[in-house]
């Protein structure tokens, strides 16, 4: 996964945070913005796709054949493909050639096929020595209607609340860092809760709900060396 490129929230606003049940407590505007940004970064990592159309570049090892698996799914378009390989006449020199591409399926899972452009034009097979690096500039992101849908905004609000609770003592509770609590006892009352899994958001009941709300939008490219 690449570095997250945004430094301020791009989807979740304070108005929507409150509309979807967010509690501000005694937090400052700066703290809330940080909580919103963290939630959006976590969501991008979970979905393997940006919340808004975003152009990014990744460099990938050639694995002796297609497809290339990009870091992010929900591909809107591929801007550029560049293949680098060792010059056959001079092993210390690197040749870079422009490539062409074909997106597999609808682009949701981040799979593309690439080929080198031969001198006779058109898409030919990878020629000469196999490339060791393939650089791809592409655009990934959910549509505006999806990123502003109730399920995504509700999930972002819950994720932002978890982050904000760690910044504002007035919002803290017994589940520090939103840890998944399986056994609970208070005075004469106790309970054993359902075993919880772990997601990018944490392992509490709240984070399980976040994942359920947006699981249908998740892309699942195979993450490898890049």
C-alpha atoms as a PDB file:
ATOM      1  CA  UNK A   1       0.000   0.000   0.000  1.00  0.00           C
ATOM      2  CA  UNK A   2       1.258   3.452  -0.910  1.00  0.00           C
ATOM      3  CA  UNK A   3       1.401   6.569   1.238  1.00  0.00           C
ATOM      4  CA  UNK A   4      -1.955   8.272   1.681  1.00  0.00           C
ATOM      5  CA  UNK A   5      -1.897  11.458  -0.456  1.00  0.00           C
ATOM      6  CA  UNK A   6      -4.444  13.648   1.351  1.00  0.00           C
ATOM      7  CA  UNK A   7      -3.812  15.932   4.329  1.00  0.00           C
ATOM      8  CA  UNK A   8      -7.393  17.011   5.004  1.00  0.00           C
ATOM      9  CA  UNK A   9     -10.769  15.210   4.807  1.00  0.00           C
ATOM     10  CA  UNK A  10     -12.234  14.870   1.311  1.00  0.00           C
ATOM     11  CA  UNK A  11     -15.626  13.287   2.070  1.00  0.00           C
ATOM     12  CA  UNK A  12     -16.654  13.517   5.725  1.00  0.00           C
ATOM     13  CA  UNK A  13     -17.767  16.965   6.870  1.00  0.00           C
ATOM     14  CA  UNK A  14     -18.681  18.125  10.343  1.00  0.00           C
ATOM     15  CA  UNK A  15     -22.308  18.561   9.266  1.00  0.00           C
ATOM     16  CA  UNK A  16     -22.521  14.940   8.082  1.00  0.00           C
ATOM     17  CA  UNK A  17     -20.624  13.709  11.149  1.00  0.00           C
ATOM     18  CA  UNK A  18     -23.285  15.211  13.405  1.00  0.00           C
ATOM     19  CA  UNK A  19     -26.140  14.157  11.072  1.00  0.00           C
ATOM     20  CA  UNK A  20     -25.026  10.511  11.301  1.00  0.00           C
ATOM     21  CA  UNK A  21     -24.790  10.555  15.083  1.00  0.00           C
ATOM     22  CA  UNK A  22     -21.254  11.752  15.745  1.00  0.00           C
ATOM     23  CA  UNK A  23     -20.584  13.140  19.229  1.00  0.00           C
ATOM     24  CA  UNK A  24     -18.207  16.099  19.398  1.00  0.00           C
ATOM     25  CA  UNK A  25     -17.825  16.320  23.193  1.00  0.00           C
ATOM     26  CA  UNK A  26     -15.310  19.016  24.103  1.00  0.00           C
ATOM     27  CA  UNK A  27     -13.103  18.368  21.049  1.00  0.00           C
ATOM     28  CA  UNK A  28     -11.681  21.178  18.951  1.00  0.00           C
ATOM     29  CA  UNK A  29     -12.293  21.668  15.238  1.00  0.00           C
ATOM     30  CA  UNK A  30      -8.687  20.628  14.545  1.00  0.00           C
ATOM     31  CA  UNK A  31      -9.150  17.387  16.501  1.00  0.00           C
ATOM     32  CA  UNK A  32     -12.323  16.571  14.590  1.00  0.00           C
ATOM     33  CA  UNK A  33     -10.608  17.190  11.249  1.00  0.00           C
ATOM     34  CA  UNK A  34      -7.797  14.838  12.269  1.00  0.00           C
ATOM     35  CA  UNK A  35     -10.357  12.202  13.279  1.00  0.00           C
ATOM     36  CA  UNK A  36     -12.147  12.597   9.931  1.00  0.00           C
ATOM     37  CA  UNK A  37      -8.864  12.299   8.011  1.00  0.00           C
ATOM     38  CA  UNK A  38      -7.804   9.205   9.947  1.00  0.00           C
ATOM     39  CA  UNK A  39     -11.197   7.598   9.262  1.00  0.00           C
ATOM     40  CA  UNK A  40     -10.882   8.263   5.532  1.00  0.00           C
ATOM     41  CA  UNK A  41      -7.357   6.866   5.452  1.00  0.00           C
ATOM     42  CA  UNK A  42      -8.498   3.725   7.281  1.00  0.00           C
ATOM     43  CA  UNK A  43     -11.427   3.377   4.871  1.00  0.00           C
ATOM     44  CA  UNK A  44      -9.127   3.691   1.842  1.00  0.00           C
ATOM     45  CA  UNK A  45      -6.880   0.973   3.255  1.00  0.00           C
ATOM     46  CA  UNK A  46      -9.852  -1.302   3.998  1.00  0.00           C
ATOM     47  CA  UNK A  47     -11.516  -0.856   0.606  1.00  0.00           C
ATOM     48  CA  UNK A  48      -8.248  -0.835  -1.386  1.00  0.00           C
ATOM     49  CA  UNK A  49      -9.681   2.159  -3.230  1.00  0.00           C
ATOM     50  CA  UNK A  50      -9.738   5.923  -2.795  1.00  0.00           C
ATOM     51  CA  UNK A  51     -12.983   7.530  -1.688  1.00  0.00           C
ATOM     52  CA  UNK A  52     -12.818  10.065  -4.514  1.00  0.00           C
ATOM     53  CA  UNK A  53     -11.190   9.739  -7.964  1.00  0.00           C
ATOM     54  CA  UNK A  54      -7.434  10.016  -7.349  1.00  0.00           C
ATOM     55  CA  UNK A  55      -4.478   9.666  -9.705  1.00  0.00           C
ATOM     56  CA  UNK A  56      -1.636   7.619  -8.243  1.00  0.00           C
ATOM     57  CA  UNK A  57       1.510   5.882  -9.510  1.00  0.00           C
ATOM     58  CA  UNK A  58       2.866   2.497  -8.507  1.00  0.00           C
ATOM     59  CA  UNK A  59       5.950   0.507  -9.486  1.00  0.00           C
ATOM     60  CA  UNK A  60       5.613  -3.293  -9.642  1.00  0.00           C
ATOM     61  CA  UNK A  61       7.905  -6.280 -10.184  1.00  0.00           C
ATOM     62  CA  UNK A  62       7.284  -8.279 -13.338  1.00  0.00           C
ATOM     63  CA  UNK A  63       6.255 -11.755 -12.222  1.00  0.00           C
ATOM     64  CA  UNK A  64       6.924 -13.542 -15.490  1.00  0.00           C
ATOM     65  CA  UNK A  65       3.477 -12.805 -16.807  1.00  0.00           C
ATOM     66  CA  UNK A  66       0.272 -10.845 -16.575  1.00  0.00           C
ATOM     67  CA  UNK A  67      -1.734  -9.635 -14.806  1.00  0.00           C
ATOM     68  CA  UNK A  68      -0.148  -6.789 -12.883  1.00  0.00           C
ATOM     69  CA  UNK A  69      -2.019  -6.281  -9.598  1.00  0.00           C
ATOM     70  CA  UNK A  70      -2.278  -2.618  -8.656  1.00  0.00           C
ATOM     71  CA  UNK A  71      -2.314  -1.328  -5.090  1.00  0.00           C
ATOM     72  CA  UNK A  72      -5.844   0.017  -5.485  1.00  0.00           C
ATOM     73  CA  UNK A  73      -8.962  -1.303  -7.147  1.00  0.00           C
ATOM     74  CA  UNK A  74     -12.010   0.490  -8.558  1.00  0.00           C
ATOM     75  CA  UNK A  75      -9.880   1.620 -11.498  1.00  0.00           C
ATOM     76  CA  UNK A  76     -11.380   4.515 -13.424  1.00  0.00           C
ATOM     77  CA  UNK A  77      -8.632   4.652 -16.036  1.00  0.00           C
ATOM     78  CA  UNK A  78      -4.951   3.984 -16.697  1.00  0.00           C
ATOM     79  CA  UNK A  79      -2.939   7.061 -17.654  1.00  0.00           C
ATOM     80  CA  UNK A  80       0.497   5.604 -18.452  1.00  0.00           C
ATOM     81  CA  UNK A  81       2.412   2.322 -18.482  1.00  0.00           C
ATOM     82  CA  UNK A  82       6.238   2.288 -18.544  1.00  0.00           C
ATOM     83  CA  UNK A  83       8.337  -0.903 -18.647  1.00  0.00           C
ATOM     84  CA  UNK A  84      12.001  -0.966 -17.601  1.00  0.00           C
ATOM     85  CA  UNK A  85      14.381  -3.754 -18.571  1.00  0.00           C
ATOM     86  CA  UNK A  86      18.109  -4.453 -18.862  1.00  0.00           C
ATOM     87  CA  UNK A  87      19.643  -3.495 -22.193  1.00  0.00           C
ATOM     88  CA  UNK A  88      20.615  -6.751 -23.916  1.00  0.00           C
ATOM     89  CA  UNK A  89      23.783  -5.195 -25.407  1.00  0.00           C
ATOM     90  CA  UNK A  90      24.871  -3.488 -22.194  1.00  0.00           C
ATOM     91  CA  UNK A  91      23.857  -5.118 -18.929  1.00  0.00           C
ATOM     92  CA  UNK A  92      24.619  -1.922 -17.008  1.00  0.00           C
ATOM     93  CA  UNK A  93      22.129   0.129 -19.058  1.00  0.00           C
ATOM     94  CA  UNK A  94      18.382   0.295 -18.530  1.00  0.00           C
ATOM     95  CA  UNK A  95      15.861   0.577 -21.342  1.00  0.00           C
ATOM     96  CA  UNK A  96      12.456   2.102 -20.677  1.00  0.00           C
ATOM     97  CA  UNK A  97       9.626   1.718 -23.137  1.00  0.00           C
ATOM     98  CA  UNK A  98       6.030   2.826 -23.210  1.00  0.00           C
ATOM     99  CA  UNK A  99       3.489   0.100 -22.749  1.00  0.00           C
ATOM    100  CA  UNK A 100      -0.159  -0.390 -23.450  1.00  0.00           C
ATOM    101  CA  UNK A 101      -2.685  -1.980 -21.154  1.00  0.00           C
ATOM    102  CA  UNK A 102      -5.999  -3.736 -20.827  1.00  0.00           C
ATOM    103  CA  UNK A 103      -8.050  -3.617 -17.626  1.00  0.00           C
ATOM    104  CA  UNK A 104      -9.472  -6.955 -16.557  1.00  0.00           C
ATOM    105  CA  UNK A 105     -13.178  -6.969 -15.829  1.00  0.00           C
ATOM    106  CA  UNK A 106     -14.630  -3.672 -14.664  1.00  0.00           C
ATOM    107  CA  UNK A 107     -11.437  -2.660 -12.856  1.00  0.00           C
ATOM    108  CA  UNK A 108     -12.811  -3.273  -9.386  1.00  0.00           C
ATOM    109  CA  UNK A 109     -10.057  -5.641  -8.315  1.00  0.00           C
ATOM    110  CA  UNK A 110      -7.093  -3.740  -9.761  1.00  0.00           C
ATOM    111  CA  UNK A 111      -5.958  -6.294 -12.361  1.00  0.00           C
ATOM    112  CA  UNK A 112      -4.442  -5.078 -15.629  1.00  0.00           C
ATOM    113  CA  UNK A 113      -2.515  -6.724 -18.468  1.00  0.00           C
ATOM    114  CA  UNK A 114       0.440  -4.783 -19.905  1.00  0.00           C
ATOM    115  CA  UNK A 115       2.509  -5.122 -23.047  1.00  0.00           C
ATOM    116  CA  UNK A 116       5.369  -3.209 -24.641  1.00  0.00           C
ATOM    117  CA  UNK A 117       4.660  -1.074 -27.678  1.00  0.00           C
ATOM    118  CA  UNK A 118       6.747  -2.454 -30.555  1.00  0.00           C
ATOM    119  CA  UNK A 119       8.344  -0.306 -33.260  1.00  0.00           C
ATOM    120  CA  UNK A 120       5.756  -1.421 -35.789  1.00  0.00           C
ATOM    121  CA  UNK A 121       3.074   0.167 -33.591  1.00  0.00           C
ATOM    122  CA  UNK A 122       0.250  -1.465 -31.763  1.00  0.00           C
ATOM    123  CA  UNK A 123       0.385  -3.709 -28.739  1.00  0.00           C
ATOM    124  CA  UNK A 124       2.943  -6.442 -29.176  1.00  0.00           C
ATOM    125  CA  UNK A 125       4.243  -8.973 -26.696  1.00  0.00           C
ATOM    126  CA  UNK A 126       6.913  -8.024 -24.180  1.00  0.00           C
ATOM    127  CA  UNK A 127      10.043  -8.084 -26.360  1.00  0.00           C
ATOM    128  CA  UNK A 128      13.683  -8.697 -25.531  1.00  0.00           C
ATOM    129  CA  UNK A 129      14.574  -9.348 -21.915  1.00  0.00           C
ATOM    130  CA  UNK A 130      11.607  -9.431 -19.593  1.00  0.00           C
ATOM    131  CA  UNK A 131      11.081  -6.161 -17.689  1.00  0.00           C
ATOM    132  CA  UNK A 132      11.899  -6.118 -14.016  1.00  0.00           C
ATOM    133  CA  UNK A 133       9.845  -3.027 -13.216  1.00  0.00           C
ATOM    134  CA  UNK A 134       6.490  -1.896 -14.523  1.00  0.00           C
ATOM    135  CA  UNK A 135       5.356   1.621 -13.582  1.00  0.00           C
ATOM    136  CA  UNK A 136       1.661   2.388 -13.868  1.00  0.00           C
ATOM    137  CA  UNK A 137      -0.052   5.747 -13.434  1.00  0.00           C
ATOM    138  CA  UNK A 138      -3.764   5.257 -12.954  1.00  0.00           C
ATOM    139  CA  UNK A 139      -6.908   6.714 -11.416  1.00  0.00           C
ATOM    140  CA  UNK A 140      -8.796   4.931  -8.660  1.00  0.00           C
ATOM    141  CA  UNK A 141     -11.837   5.928  -6.687  1.00  0.00           C
ATOM    142  CA  UNK A 142     -15.467   5.423  -5.791  1.00  0.00           C
ATOM    143  CA  UNK A 143     -18.120   7.405  -7.609  1.00  0.00           C
ATOM    144  CA  UNK A 144     -19.509  10.520  -5.894  1.00  0.00           C
ATOM    145  CA  UNK A 145     -22.829   8.788  -5.344  1.00  0.00           C
ATOM    146  CA  UNK A 146     -21.140   5.880  -3.590  1.00  0.00           C
ATOM    147  CA  UNK A 147     -18.732   7.882  -1.419  1.00  0.00           C
ATOM    148  CA  UNK A 148     -21.628  10.074  -0.239  1.00  0.00           C
ATOM    149  CA  UNK A 149     -24.070   7.211   0.284  1.00  0.00           C
ATOM    150  CA  UNK A 150     -25.596   6.683   3.739  1.00  0.00           C
ATOM    151  CA  UNK A 151     -23.665   3.439   4.308  1.00  0.00           C
ATOM    152  CA  UNK A 152     -20.275   5.046   3.593  1.00  0.00           C
ATOM    153  CA  UNK A 153     -21.026   8.225   5.569  1.00  0.00           C
ATOM    154  CA  UNK A 154     -22.314   6.180   8.517  1.00  0.00           C
ATOM    155  CA  UNK A 155     -19.188   4.010   8.429  1.00  0.00           C
ATOM    156  CA  UNK A 156     -16.896   7.057   8.224  1.00  0.00           C
ATOM    157  CA  UNK A 157     -18.745   8.679  11.123  1.00  0.00           C
ATOM    158  CA  UNK A 158     -18.287   5.603  13.318  1.00  0.00           C
ATOM    159  CA  UNK A 159     -14.597   5.328  12.393  1.00  0.00           C
ATOM    160  CA  UNK A 160     -14.056   9.029  13.046  1.00  0.00           C
ATOM    161  CA  UNK A 161     -15.811   8.695  16.421  1.00  0.00           C
ATOM    162  CA  UNK A 162     -13.437   5.919  17.454  1.00  0.00           C
ATOM    163  CA  UNK A 163     -10.476   8.160  16.593  1.00  0.00           C
ATOM    164  CA  UNK A 164     -11.983  11.230  18.250  1.00  0.00           C
ATOM    165  CA  UNK A 165     -12.664   9.312  21.460  1.00  0.00           C
ATOM    166  CA  UNK A 166      -8.900   8.892  21.832  1.00  0.00           C
ATOM    167  CA  UNK A 167      -8.318  12.656  21.587  1.00  0.00           C
ATOM    168  CA  UNK A 168     -11.099  13.945  23.830  1.00  0.00           C
ATOM    169  CA  UNK A 169     -11.227  12.658  27.405  1.00  0.00           C
ATOM    170  CA  UNK A 170     -14.924  13.603  27.647  1.00  0.00           C
ATOM    171  CA  UNK A 171     -15.693  10.940  25.019  1.00  0.00           C
ATOM    172  CA  UNK A 172     -13.549   8.138  26.456  1.00  0.00           C
ATOM    173  CA  UNK A 173     -15.028   4.941  27.860  1.00  0.00           C
ATOM    174  CA  UNK A 174     -13.941   1.603  29.296  1.00  0.00           C
ATOM    175  CA  UNK A 175     -12.924   0.369  25.822  1.00  0.00           C
ATOM    176  CA  UNK A 176      -9.653   2.281  25.470  1.00  0.00           C
ATOM    177  CA  UNK A 177      -8.538   2.346  21.804  1.00  0.00           C
ATOM    178  CA  UNK A 178     -11.926   0.773  21.022  1.00  0.00           C
ATOM    179  CA  UNK A 179     -10.653  -2.630  22.052  1.00  0.00           C
ATOM    180  CA  UNK A 180     -12.989  -5.560  21.523  1.00  0.00           C
ATOM    181  CA  UNK A 181     -14.346  -6.485  24.968  1.00  0.00           C
ATOM    182  CA  UNK A 182     -15.447 -10.106  25.243  1.00  0.00           C
ATOM    183  CA  UNK A 183     -16.130 -10.356  28.970  1.00  0.00           C
ATOM    184  CA  UNK A 184     -17.687  -7.561  31.010  1.00  0.00           C
ATOM    185  CA  UNK A 185     -18.455  -7.338  34.710  1.00  0.00           C
ATOM    186  CA  UNK A 186     -19.741  -4.419  36.772  1.00  0.00           C
ATOM    187  CA  UNK A 187     -20.960  -4.767  40.330  1.00  0.00           C
ATOM    188  CA  UNK A 188     -23.396  -7.729  40.271  1.00  0.00           C
ATOM    189  CA  UNK A 189     -23.848  -7.725  36.487  1.00  0.00           C
ATOM    190  CA  UNK A 190     -21.668  -9.589  34.008  1.00  0.00           C
ATOM    191  CA  UNK A 191     -21.906 -10.786  30.417  1.00  0.00           C
ATOM    192  CA  UNK A 192     -19.901 -12.694  27.822  1.00  0.00           C
ATOM    193  CA  UNK A 193     -20.058 -11.200  24.353  1.00  0.00           C
ATOM    194  CA  UNK A 194     -19.675 -12.733  20.904  1.00  0.00           C
ATOM    195  CA  UNK A 195     -16.092 -13.300  19.813  1.00  0.00           C
ATOM    196  CA  UNK A 196     -15.030 -10.455  17.527  1.00  0.00           C
ATOM    197  CA  UNK A 197     -12.780 -10.431  14.494  1.00  0.00           C
ATOM    198  CA  UNK A 198     -10.186  -7.810  13.529  1.00  0.00           C
ATOM    199  CA  UNK A 199     -10.419  -5.272  10.707  1.00  0.00           C
ATOM    200  CA  UNK A 200      -8.412  -2.217   9.657  1.00  0.00           C
ATOM    201  CA  UNK A 201     -10.607  -0.230  12.045  1.00  0.00           C
ATOM    202  CA  UNK A 202     -10.046  -2.370  15.145  1.00  0.00           C
ATOM    203  CA  UNK A 203     -11.729  -5.352  16.778  1.00  0.00           C
ATOM    204  CA  UNK A 204     -14.657  -3.897  18.718  1.00  0.00           C
ATOM    205  CA  UNK A 205     -18.341  -4.306  17.944  1.00  0.00           C
ATOM    206  CA  UNK A 206     -18.339  -0.789  16.470  1.00  0.00           C
ATOM    207  CA  UNK A 207     -15.509  -1.587  14.069  1.00  0.00           C
ATOM    208  CA  UNK A 208     -17.293  -4.783  13.001  1.00  0.00           C
ATOM    209  CA  UNK A 209     -20.301  -2.642  12.076  1.00  0.00           C
ATOM    210  CA  UNK A 210     -18.078  -0.248  10.090  1.00  0.00           C
ATOM    211  CA  UNK A 211     -16.772  -3.174   8.042  1.00  0.00           C
ATOM    212  CA  UNK A 212     -20.262  -4.591   7.458  1.00  0.00           C
ATOM    213  CA  UNK A 213     -21.560  -1.255   6.193  1.00  0.00           C
ATOM    214  CA  UNK A 214     -18.956  -0.940   3.428  1.00  0.00           C
ATOM    215  CA  UNK A 215     -17.891  -4.532   2.717  1.00  0.00           C
ATOM    216  CA  UNK A 216     -19.889  -4.526  -0.529  1.00  0.00           C
ATOM    217  CA  UNK A 217     -17.585  -1.825  -1.938  1.00  0.00           C
ATOM    218  CA  UNK A 218     -14.345  -3.575  -1.049  1.00  0.00           C
ATOM    219  CA  UNK A 219     -11.797  -4.324  -3.767  1.00  0.00           C
ATOM    220  CA  UNK A 220      -9.442  -7.207  -3.065  1.00  0.00           C
ATOM    221  CA  UNK A 221      -6.302  -6.957  -5.163  1.00  0.00           C
ATOM    222  CA  UNK A 222      -3.584  -9.391  -4.136  1.00  0.00           C
ATOM    223  CA  UNK A 223      -0.958  -7.401  -2.264  1.00  0.00           C
ATOM    224  CA  UNK A 224       2.618  -8.313  -3.192  1.00  0.00           C
ATOM    225  CA  UNK A 225       6.050  -6.731  -3.457  1.00  0.00           C
ATOM    226  CA  UNK A 226       5.964  -3.401  -5.254  1.00  0.00           C
END
